[in-house]
Amino acid sequence: MKIKEFIGSTVLDKNANVVGKIDNVDFNTETGKIEKITLTLQINIFSRDELEISFDDIATIGAYVILNKEITQEEEAEEEAESDAETVEVKIEDE
């Protein structure tokens, strides 16, 4: 798989929940190894957030990128959701 095919791939957590899409890839220029991947999390049509994960957090790469972690999103109170700026906390849980 070429890197340009990898960017934009849909990312699923270990429970097959859609997390977001691959936005950027950081790699070590000396070794060529991918170190960090930036995901764009889709919160709603007007709001997005980003999450950095380690390449080691990926279980498989194919039609989807599947993580070996569970990603949960905890939204703020309903009053804040109605405002223009929405805050989302992202929690990564290891097994």
PDB file of N, CA and C in Angstrom:
ATOM      1  N   MET A   1       0.841  -1.177   0.000  1.00  0.00           N
ATOM      2  CA  MET A   1       0.000   0.000   0.000  1.00  0.00           C
ATOM      3  C   MET A   1       0.884   1.237   0.000  1.00  0.00           C
ATOM      4  N   LYS A   2       0.560   2.174  -0.848  1.00  0.00           N
ATOM      5  CA  LYS A   2       1.287   3.435  -0.902  1.00  0.00           C
ATOM      6  C   LYS A   2       0.741   4.382   0.153  1.00  0.00           C
ATOM      7  N   ILE A   3       1.585   5.301   0.613  1.00  0.00           N
ATOM      8  CA  ILE A   3       1.200   6.226   1.664  1.00  0.00           C
ATOM      9  C   ILE A   3       0.001   7.079   1.259  1.00  0.00           C
ATOM     10  N   LYS A   4      -0.081   7.460  -0.027  1.00  0.00           N
ATOM     11  CA  LYS A   4      -1.216   8.278  -0.462  1.00  0.00           C
ATOM     12  C   LYS A   4      -2.517   7.485  -0.436  1.00  0.00           C
ATOM     13  N   GLU A   5      -2.451   6.161  -0.514  1.00  0.00           N
ATOM     14  CA  GLU A   5      -3.636   5.323  -0.368  1.00  0.00           C
ATOM     15  C   GLU A   5      -4.005   5.169   1.100  1.00  0.00           C
ATOM     16  N   PHE A   6      -3.001   5.199   1.968  1.00  0.00           N
ATOM     17  CA  PHE A   6      -3.192   5.049   3.412  1.00  0.00           C
ATOM     18  C   PHE A   6      -3.886   6.276   4.011  1.00  0.00           C
ATOM     19  N   ILE A   7      -3.447   7.472   3.591  1.00  0.00           N
ATOM     20  CA  ILE A   7      -4.052   8.707   4.082  1.00  0.00           C
ATOM     21  C   ILE A   7      -5.486   8.789   3.561  1.00  0.00           C
ATOM     22  N   GLY A   8      -6.399   9.046   4.454  1.00  0.00           N
ATOM     23  CA  GLY A   8      -7.822   9.084   4.116  1.00  0.00           C
ATOM     24  C   GLY A   8      -8.550   7.790   4.426  1.00  0.00           C
ATOM     25  N   SER A   9      -7.799   6.754   4.819  1.00  0.00           N
ATOM     26  CA  SER A   9      -8.430   5.480   5.163  1.00  0.00           C
ATOM     27  C   SER A   9      -9.302   5.619   6.398  1.00  0.00           C
ATOM     28  N   THR A  10     -10.405   4.896   6.424  1.00  0.00           N
ATOM     29  CA  THR A  10     -11.293   4.877   7.586  1.00  0.00           C
ATOM     30  C   THR A  10     -10.665   4.032   8.684  1.00  0.00           C
ATOM     31  N   VAL A  11     -10.727   4.550   9.916  1.00  0.00           N
ATOM     32  CA  VAL A  11     -10.125   3.880  11.071  1.00  0.00           C
ATOM     33  C   VAL A  11     -11.225   3.358  11.985  1.00  0.00           C
ATOM     34  N   LEU A  12     -11.107   2.088  12.375  1.00  0.00           N
ATOM     35  CA  LEU A  12     -12.031   1.448  13.307  1.00  0.00           C
ATOM     36  C   LEU A  12     -11.278   1.091  14.574  1.00  0.00           C
ATOM     37  N   ASP A  13     -11.958   1.156  15.734  1.00  0.00           N
ATOM     38  CA  ASP A  13     -11.305   0.700  16.957  1.00  0.00           C
ATOM     39  C   ASP A  13     -11.468  -0.812  17.062  1.00  0.00           C
ATOM     40  N   LYS A  14     -10.992  -1.408  18.150  1.00  0.00           N
ATOM     41  CA  LYS A  14     -11.013  -2.868  18.267  1.00  0.00           C
ATOM     42  C   LYS A  14     -12.421  -3.440  18.337  1.00  0.00           C
ATOM     43  N   ASN A  15     -13.415  -2.579  18.613  1.00  0.00           N
ATOM     44  CA  ASN A  15     -14.811  -3.013  18.652  1.00  0.00           C
ATOM     45  C   ASN A  15     -15.547  -2.722  17.348  1.00  0.00           C
ATOM     46  N   ALA A  16     -14.795  -2.369  16.307  1.00  0.00           N
ATOM     47  CA  ALA A  16     -15.314  -2.076  14.972  1.00  0.00           C
ATOM     48  C   ALA A  16     -16.171  -0.815  14.930  1.00  0.00           C
ATOM     49  N   ASN A  17     -15.943   0.108  15.876  1.00  0.00           N
ATOM     50  CA  ASN A  17     -16.598   1.414  15.843  1.00  0.00           C
ATOM     51  C   ASN A  17     -15.763   2.355  14.996  1.00  0.00           C
ATOM     52  N   VAL A  18     -16.415   3.124  14.123  1.00  0.00           N
ATOM     53  CA  VAL A  18     -15.690   4.079  13.288  1.00  0.00           C
ATOM     54  C   VAL A  18     -15.147   5.184  14.186  1.00  0.00           C
ATOM     55  N   VAL A  19     -13.828   5.418  14.087  1.00  0.00           N
ATOM     56  CA  VAL A  19     -13.160   6.435  14.889  1.00  0.00           C
ATOM     57  C   VAL A  19     -12.964   7.709  14.076  1.00  0.00           C
ATOM     58  N   GLY A  20     -12.507   7.575  12.849  1.00  0.00           N
ATOM     59  CA  GLY A  20     -12.239   8.723  12.000  1.00  0.00           C
ATOM     60  C   GLY A  20     -11.482   8.284  10.764  1.00  0.00           C
ATOM     61  N   LYS A  21     -10.650   9.193  10.260  1.00  0.00           N
ATOM     62  CA  LYS A  21      -9.853   8.908   9.059  1.00  0.00           C
ATOM     63  C   LYS A  21      -8.401   9.298   9.289  1.00  0.00           C
ATOM     64  N   ILE A  22      -7.489   8.620   8.582  1.00  0.00           N
ATOM     65  CA  ILE A  22      -6.071   8.953   8.641  1.00  0.00           C
ATOM     66  C   ILE A  22      -5.873  10.306   7.982  1.00  0.00           C
ATOM     67  N   ASP A  23      -5.257  11.241   8.715  1.00  0.00           N
ATOM     68  CA  ASP A  23      -5.044  12.590   8.199  1.00  0.00           C
ATOM     69  C   ASP A  23      -3.581  12.847   7.864  1.00  0.00           C
ATOM     70  N   ASN A  24      -2.670  12.319   8.681  1.00  0.00           N
ATOM     71  CA  ASN A  24      -1.256  12.598   8.494  1.00  0.00           C
ATOM     72  C   ASN A  24      -0.423  11.452   9.063  1.00  0.00           C
ATOM     73  N   VAL A  25       0.781  11.295   8.545  1.00  0.00           N
ATOM     74  CA  VAL A  25       1.690  10.244   8.999  1.00  0.00           C
ATOM     75  C   VAL A  25       3.054  10.867   9.263  1.00  0.00           C
ATOM     76  N   ASP A  26       3.585  10.630  10.467  1.00  0.00           N
ATOM     77  CA  ASP A  26       4.933  11.083  10.809  1.00  0.00           C
ATOM     78  C   ASP A  26       5.850   9.874  10.835  1.00  0.00           C
ATOM     79  N   PHE A  27       6.993   9.993  10.150  1.00  0.00           N
ATOM     80  CA  PHE A  27       7.914   8.871  10.149  1.00  0.00           C
ATOM     81  C   PHE A  27       9.325   9.342  10.458  1.00  0.00           C
ATOM     82  N   ASN A  28      10.152   8.415  10.911  1.00  0.00           N
ATOM     83  CA  ASN A  28      11.541   8.680  11.233  1.00  0.00           C
ATOM     84  C   ASN A  28      12.324   8.697   9.926  1.00  0.00           C
ATOM     85  N   THR A  29      12.968   9.826   9.616  1.00  0.00           N
ATOM     86  CA  THR A  29      13.679   9.958   8.341  1.00  0.00           C
ATOM     87  C   THR A  29      14.927   9.080   8.273  1.00  0.00           C
ATOM     88  N   GLU A  30      15.474   8.715   9.433  1.00  0.00           N
ATOM     89  CA  GLU A  30      16.668   7.864   9.431  1.00  0.00           C
ATOM     90  C   GLU A  30      16.340   6.401   9.191  1.00  0.00           C
ATOM     91  N   THR A  31      15.262   5.914   9.830  1.00  0.00           N
ATOM     92  CA  THR A  31      14.906   4.502   9.715  1.00  0.00           C
ATOM     93  C   THR A  31      13.804   4.240   8.692  1.00  0.00           C
ATOM     94  N   GLY A  32      13.014   5.282   8.379  1.00  0.00           N
ATOM     95  CA  GLY A  32      11.882   5.117   7.471  1.00  0.00           C
ATOM     96  C   GLY A  32      10.667   4.508   8.145  1.00  0.00           C
ATOM     97  N   LYS A  33      10.736   4.294   9.470  1.00  0.00           N
ATOM     98  CA  LYS A  33       9.638   3.681  10.212  1.00  0.00           C
ATOM     99  C   LYS A  33       8.583   4.723  10.565  1.00  0.00           C
ATOM    100  N   ILE A  34       7.316   4.364  10.373  1.00  0.00           N
ATOM    101  CA  ILE A  34       6.210   5.235  10.774  1.00  0.00           C
ATOM    102  C   ILE A  34       6.150   5.248  12.298  1.00  0.00           C
ATOM    103  N   GLU A  35       6.117   6.448  12.879  1.00  0.00           N
ATOM    104  CA  GLU A  35       6.093   6.575  14.328  1.00  0.00           C
ATOM    105  C   GLU A  35       4.727   6.995  14.861  1.00  0.00           C
ATOM    106  N   LYS A  36       4.138   8.030  14.266  1.00  0.00           N
ATOM    107  CA  LYS A  36       2.846   8.541  14.721  1.00  0.00           C
ATOM    108  C   LYS A  36       1.907   8.730  13.543  1.00  0.00           C
ATOM    109  N   ILE A  37       0.635   8.560  13.819  1.00  0.00           N
ATOM    110  CA  ILE A  37      -0.404   8.759  12.827  1.00  0.00           C
ATOM    111  C   ILE A  37      -1.426   9.710  13.428  1.00  0.00           C
ATOM    112  N   THR A  38      -1.834  10.702  12.654  1.00  0.00           N
ATOM    113  CA  THR A  38      -2.853  11.640  13.110  1.00  0.00           C
ATOM    114  C   THR A  38      -4.189  11.258  12.493  1.00  0.00           C
ATOM    115  N   LEU A  39      -5.196  11.097  13.353  1.00  0.00           N
ATOM    116  CA  LEU A  39      -6.542  10.780  12.913  1.00  0.00           C
ATOM    117  C   LEU A  39      -7.404  12.023  13.006  1.00  0.00           C
ATOM    118  N   THR A  40      -8.268  12.226  12.042  1.00  0.00           N
ATOM    119  CA  THR A  40      -9.282  13.263  12.126  1.00  0.00           C
ATOM    120  C   THR A  40     -10.550  12.589  12.616  1.00  0.00           C
ATOM    121  N   LEU A  41     -11.023  13.038  13.773  1.00  0.00           N
ATOM    122  CA  LEU A  41     -12.238  12.494  14.351  1.00  0.00           C
ATOM    123  C   LEU A  41     -13.412  13.333  13.893  1.00  0.00           C
ATOM    124  N   GLN A  42     -14.413  12.708  13.338  1.00  0.00           N
ATOM    125  CA  GLN A  42     -15.590  13.437  12.878  1.00  0.00           C
ATOM    126  C   GLN A  42     -16.556  13.564  14.039  1.00  0.00           C
ATOM    127  N   ILE A  43     -16.738  14.786  14.528  1.00  0.00           N
ATOM    128  CA  ILE A  43     -17.643  15.035  15.642  1.00  0.00           C
ATOM    129  C   ILE A  43     -19.034  15.354  15.110  1.00  0.00           C
ATOM    130  N   ASN A  44     -19.107  16.306  14.236  1.00  0.00           N
ATOM    131  CA  ASN A  44     -20.342  16.599  13.519  1.00  0.00           C
ATOM    132  C   ASN A  44     -19.956  17.264  12.208  1.00  0.00           C
ATOM    133  N   ILE A  45     -20.908  17.718  11.451  1.00  0.00           N
ATOM    134  CA  ILE A  45     -20.620  18.228  10.109  1.00  0.00           C
ATOM    135  C   ILE A  45     -19.710  19.458  10.118  1.00  0.00           C
ATOM    136  N   PHE A  46     -19.754  20.253  11.200  1.00  0.00           N
ATOM    137  CA  PHE A  46     -18.972  21.482  11.252  1.00  0.00           C
ATOM    138  C   PHE A  46     -17.764  21.398  12.174  1.00  0.00           C
ATOM    139  N   SER A  47     -17.616  20.345  12.926  1.00  0.00           N
ATOM    140  CA  SER A  47     -16.574  20.282  13.952  1.00  0.00           C
ATOM    141  C   SER A  47     -15.749  19.010  13.796  1.00  0.00           C
ATOM    142  N   ARG A  48     -14.450  19.176  13.918  1.00  0.00           N
ATOM    143  CA  ARG A  48     -13.535  18.037  13.846  1.00  0.00           C
ATOM    144  C   ARG A  48     -12.500  18.166  14.949  1.00  0.00           C
ATOM    145  N   ASP A  49     -11.943  17.049  15.352  1.00  0.00           N
ATOM    146  CA  ASP A  49     -10.889  17.023  16.341  1.00  0.00           C
ATOM    147  C   ASP A  49      -9.835  16.054  15.821  1.00  0.00           C
ATOM    148  N   GLU A  50      -8.646  16.123  16.393  1.00  0.00           N
ATOM    149  CA  GLU A  50      -7.566  15.241  15.960  1.00  0.00           C
ATOM    150  C   GLU A  50      -7.073  14.406  17.125  1.00  0.00           C
ATOM    151  N   LEU A  51      -6.544  13.246  16.811  1.00  0.00           N
ATOM    152  CA  LEU A  51      -5.982  12.336  17.796  1.00  0.00           C
ATOM    153  C   LEU A  51      -4.724  11.729  17.202  1.00  0.00           C
ATOM    154  N   GLU A  52      -3.623  11.766  17.950  1.00  0.00           N
ATOM    155  CA  GLU A  52      -2.392  11.119  17.507  1.00  0.00           C
ATOM    156  C   GLU A  52      -2.299   9.749  18.142  1.00  0.00           C
ATOM    157  N   ILE A  53      -1.958   8.761  17.329  1.00  0.00           N
ATOM    158  CA  ILE A  53      -1.750   7.413  17.838  1.00  0.00           C
ATOM    159  C   ILE A  53      -0.390   6.914  17.363  1.00  0.00           C
ATOM    160  N   SER A  54       0.124   5.940  18.053  1.00  0.00           N
ATOM    161  CA  SER A  54       1.374   5.298  17.659  1.00  0.00           C
ATOM    162  C   SER A  54       1.076   4.259  16.576  1.00  0.00           C
ATOM    163  N   PHE A  55       2.039   4.024  15.702  1.00  0.00           N
ATOM    164  CA  PHE A  55       1.865   2.993  14.678  1.00  0.00           C
ATOM    165  C   PHE A  55       1.646   1.625  15.330  1.00  0.00           C
ATOM    166  N   ASP A  56       2.203   1.447  16.542  1.00  0.00           N
ATOM    167  CA  ASP A  56       2.035   0.189  17.271  1.00  0.00           C
ATOM    168  C   ASP A  56       0.594  -0.053  17.713  1.00  0.00           C
ATOM    169  N   ASP A  57      -0.251   0.992  17.687  1.00  0.00           N
ATOM    170  CA  ASP A  57      -1.657   0.858  18.061  1.00  0.00           C
ATOM    171  C   ASP A  57      -2.503   0.268  16.940  1.00  0.00           C
ATOM    172  N   ILE A  58      -1.916   0.026  15.779  1.00  0.00           N
ATOM    173  CA  ILE A  58      -2.648  -0.527  14.631  1.00  0.00           C
ATOM    174  C   ILE A  58      -2.527  -2.042  14.636  1.00  0.00           C
ATOM    175  N   ALA A  59      -3.685  -2.709  14.575  1.00  0.00           N
ATOM    176  CA  ALA A  59      -3.715  -4.173  14.522  1.00  0.00           C
ATOM    177  C   ALA A  59      -3.567  -4.663  13.087  1.00  0.00           C
ATOM    178  N   THR A  60      -4.374  -4.098  12.162  1.00  0.00           N
ATOM    179  CA  THR A  60      -4.318  -4.507  10.759  1.00  0.00           C
ATOM    180  C   THR A  60      -4.604  -3.325   9.846  1.00  0.00           C
ATOM    181  N   ILE A  61      -4.078  -3.435   8.634  1.00  0.00           N
ATOM    182  CA  ILE A  61      -4.323  -2.435   7.597  1.00  0.00           C
ATOM    183  C   ILE A  61      -4.825  -3.189   6.374  1.00  0.00           C
ATOM    184  N   GLY A  62      -5.952  -2.758   5.878  1.00  0.00           N
ATOM    185  CA  GLY A  62      -6.557  -3.367   4.698  1.00  0.00           C
ATOM    186  C   GLY A  62      -7.575  -2.404   4.134  1.00  0.00           C
ATOM    187  N   ALA A  63      -8.802  -2.892   3.917  1.00  0.00           N
ATOM    188  CA  ALA A  63      -9.871  -2.006   3.476  1.00  0.00           C
ATOM    189  C   ALA A  63     -10.128  -0.933   4.525  1.00  0.00           C
ATOM    190  N   TYR A  64      -9.931  -1.292   5.794  1.00  0.00           N
ATOM    191  CA  TYR A  64     -10.004  -0.371   6.921  1.00  0.00           C
ATOM    192  C   TYR A  64      -8.725  -0.488   7.723  1.00  0.00           C
ATOM    193  N   VAL A  65      -8.416   0.548   8.488  1.00  0.00           N
ATOM    194  CA  VAL A  65      -7.327   0.486   9.455  1.00  0.00           C
ATOM    195  C   VAL A  65      -7.981   0.143  10.779  1.00  0.00           C
ATOM    196  N   ILE A  66      -7.592  -0.993  11.368  1.00  0.00           N
ATOM    197  CA  ILE A  66      -8.205  -1.450  12.611  1.00  0.00           C
ATOM    198  C   ILE A  66      -7.186  -1.326  13.738  1.00  0.00           C
ATOM    199  N   LEU A  67      -7.612  -0.642  14.795  1.00  0.00           N
ATOM    200  CA  LEU A  67      -6.750  -0.432  15.954  1.00  0.00           C
ATOM    201  C   LEU A  67      -6.875  -1.601  16.927  1.00  0.00           C
ATOM    202  N   ASN A  68      -5.852  -1.778  17.765  1.00  0.00           N
ATOM    203  CA  ASN A  68      -5.918  -2.790  18.810  1.00  0.00           C
ATOM    204  C   ASN A  68      -6.334  -2.163  20.135  1.00  0.00           C
ATOM    205  N   LYS A  69      -6.938  -0.971  20.069  1.00  0.00           N
ATOM    206  CA  LYS A  69      -7.410  -0.224  21.234  1.00  0.00           C
ATOM    207  C   LYS A  69      -8.860   0.178  21.032  1.00  0.00           C
ATOM    208  N   GLU A  70      -9.524   0.457  22.160  1.00  0.00           N
ATOM    209  CA  GLU A  70     -10.878   0.992  22.116  1.00  0.00           C
ATOM    210  C   GLU A  70     -10.799   2.508  22.255  1.00  0.00           C
ATOM    211  N   ILE A  71     -11.502   3.216  21.413  1.00  0.00           N
ATOM    212  CA  ILE A  71     -11.542   4.679  21.471  1.00  0.00           C
ATOM    213  C   ILE A  71     -12.958   5.078  21.863  1.00  0.00           C
ATOM    214  N   THR A  72     -13.087   5.850  22.947  1.00  0.00           N
ATOM    215  CA  THR A  72     -14.399   6.328  23.373  1.00  0.00           C
ATOM    216  C   THR A  72     -14.409   7.841  23.363  1.00  0.00           C
ATOM    217  N   GLN A  73     -15.546   8.418  23.025  1.00  0.00           N
ATOM    218  CA  GLN A  73     -15.700   9.874  23.013  1.00  0.00           C
ATOM    219  C   GLN A  73     -16.746  10.250  24.044  1.00  0.00           C
ATOM    220  N   GLU A  74     -16.361  11.141  24.941  1.00  0.00           N
ATOM    221  CA  GLU A  74     -17.289  11.622  25.960  1.00  0.00           C
ATOM    222  C   GLU A  74     -17.604  13.079  25.663  1.00  0.00           C
ATOM    223  N   GLU A  75     -18.824  13.329  25.270  1.00  0.00           N
ATOM    224  CA  GLU A  75     -19.221  14.691  24.910  1.00  0.00           C
ATOM    225  C   GLU A  75     -19.592  15.472  26.161  1.00  0.00           C
ATOM    226  N   GLU A  76     -19.419  16.749  26.065  1.00  0.00           N
ATOM    227  CA  GLU A  76     -19.781  17.656  27.161  1.00  0.00           C
ATOM    228  C   GLU A  76     -21.297  17.729  27.284  1.00  0.00           C
ATOM    229  N   ALA A  77     -21.780  18.500  28.216  1.00  0.00           N
ATOM    230  CA  ALA A  77     -23.216  18.647  28.482  1.00  0.00           C
ATOM    231  C   ALA A  77     -23.955  19.112  27.231  1.00  0.00           C
ATOM    232  N   GLU A  78     -25.262  18.845  27.189  1.00  0.00           N
ATOM    233  CA  GLU A  78     -26.065  19.170  26.016  1.00  0.00           C
ATOM    234  C   GLU A  78     -26.057  20.661  25.715  1.00  0.00           C
ATOM    235  N   GLU A  79     -25.937  21.504  26.709  1.00  0.00           N
ATOM    236  CA  GLU A  79     -25.901  22.947  26.489  1.00  0.00           C
ATOM    237  C   GLU A  79     -24.694  23.343  25.654  1.00  0.00           C
ATOM    238  N   GLU A  80     -23.542  22.750  25.912  1.00  0.00           N
ATOM    239  CA  GLU A  80     -22.341  23.059  25.140  1.00  0.00           C
ATOM    240  C   GLU A  80     -22.441  22.513  23.724  1.00  0.00           C
ATOM    241  N   ALA A  81     -23.159  21.406  23.545  1.00  0.00           N
ATOM    242  CA  ALA A  81     -23.321  20.830  22.210  1.00  0.00           C
ATOM    243  C   ALA A  81     -24.107  21.763  21.300  1.00  0.00           C
ATOM    244  N   GLU A  82     -24.978  22.556  21.882  1.00  0.00           N
ATOM    245  CA  GLU A  82     -25.771  23.497  21.100  1.00  0.00           C
ATOM    246  C   GLU A  82     -24.993  24.755  20.737  1.00  0.00           C
ATOM    247  N   SER A  83     -23.901  25.019  21.437  1.00  0.00           N
ATOM    248  CA  SER A  83     -23.095  26.208  21.135  1.00  0.00           C
ATOM    249  C   SER A  83     -22.241  25.970  19.896  1.00  0.00           C
ATOM    250  N   ASP A  84     -21.616  27.021  19.398  1.00  0.00           N
ATOM    251  CA  ASP A  84     -20.776  26.918  18.200  1.00  0.00           C
ATOM    252  C   ASP A  84     -19.536  26.074  18.423  1.00  0.00           C
ATOM    253  N   ALA A  85     -18.945  26.161  19.611  1.00  0.00           N
ATOM    254  CA  ALA A  85     -17.716  25.413  19.921  1.00  0.00           C
ATOM    255  C   ALA A  85     -18.086  24.228  20.793  1.00  0.00           C
ATOM    256  N   GLU A  86     -17.895  23.025  20.259  1.00  0.00           N
ATOM    257  CA  GLU A  86     -18.205  21.808  20.986  1.00  0.00           C
ATOM    258  C   GLU A  86     -16.913  21.159  21.449  1.00  0.00           C
ATOM    259  N   THR A  87     -16.870  20.697  22.689  1.00  0.00           N
ATOM    260  CA  THR A  87     -15.685  20.062  23.244  1.00  0.00           C
ATOM    261  C   THR A  87     -15.923  18.558  23.338  1.00  0.00           C
ATOM    262  N   VAL A  88     -14.938  17.777  22.922  1.00  0.00           N
ATOM    263  CA  VAL A  88     -15.029  16.327  22.995  1.00  0.00           C
ATOM    264  C   VAL A  88     -13.763  15.809  23.641  1.00  0.00           C
ATOM    265  N   GLU A  89     -13.929  14.960  24.639  1.00  0.00           N
ATOM    266  CA  GLU A  89     -12.777  14.320  25.261  1.00  0.00           C
ATOM    267  C   GLU A  89     -12.615  12.953  24.614  1.00  0.00           C
ATOM    268  N   VAL A  90     -11.381  12.589  24.328  1.00  0.00           N
ATOM    269  CA  VAL A  90     -11.095  11.298  23.719  1.00  0.00           C
ATOM    270  C   VAL A  90     -10.273  10.497  24.699  1.00  0.00           C
ATOM    271  N   LYS A  91     -10.710   9.280  24.965  1.00  0.00           N
ATOM    272  CA  LYS A  91     -10.032   8.427  25.926  1.00  0.00           C
ATOM    273  C   LYS A  91      -9.616   7.148  25.213  1.00  0.00           C
ATOM    274  N   ILE A  92      -8.360   6.749  25.369  1.00  0.00           N
ATOM    275  CA  ILE A  92      -7.859   5.526  24.769  1.00  0.00           C
ATOM    276  C   ILE A  92      -7.704   4.510  25.885  1.00  0.00           C
ATOM    277  N   GLU A  93      -8.320   3.347  25.706  1.00  0.00           N
ATOM    278  CA  GLU A  93      -8.253   2.310  26.720  1.00  0.00           C
ATOM    279  C   GLU A  93      -7.479   1.109  26.192  1.00  0.00           C
ATOM    280  N   ASP A  94      -6.486   0.665  26.946  1.00  0.00           N
ATOM    281  CA  ASP A  94      -5.748  -0.552  26.609  1.00  0.00           C
ATOM    282  C   ASP A  94      -6.486  -1.742  27.174  1.00  0.00           C
ATOM    283  N   GLU A  95      -6.208  -2.897  26.605  1.00  0.00           N
ATOM    284  CA  GLU A  95      -6.798  -4.116  27.148  1.00  0.00           C
ATOM    285  C   GLU A  95      -6.118  -4.484  28.426  1.00  0.00           C
TER     286      GLU A  95
END
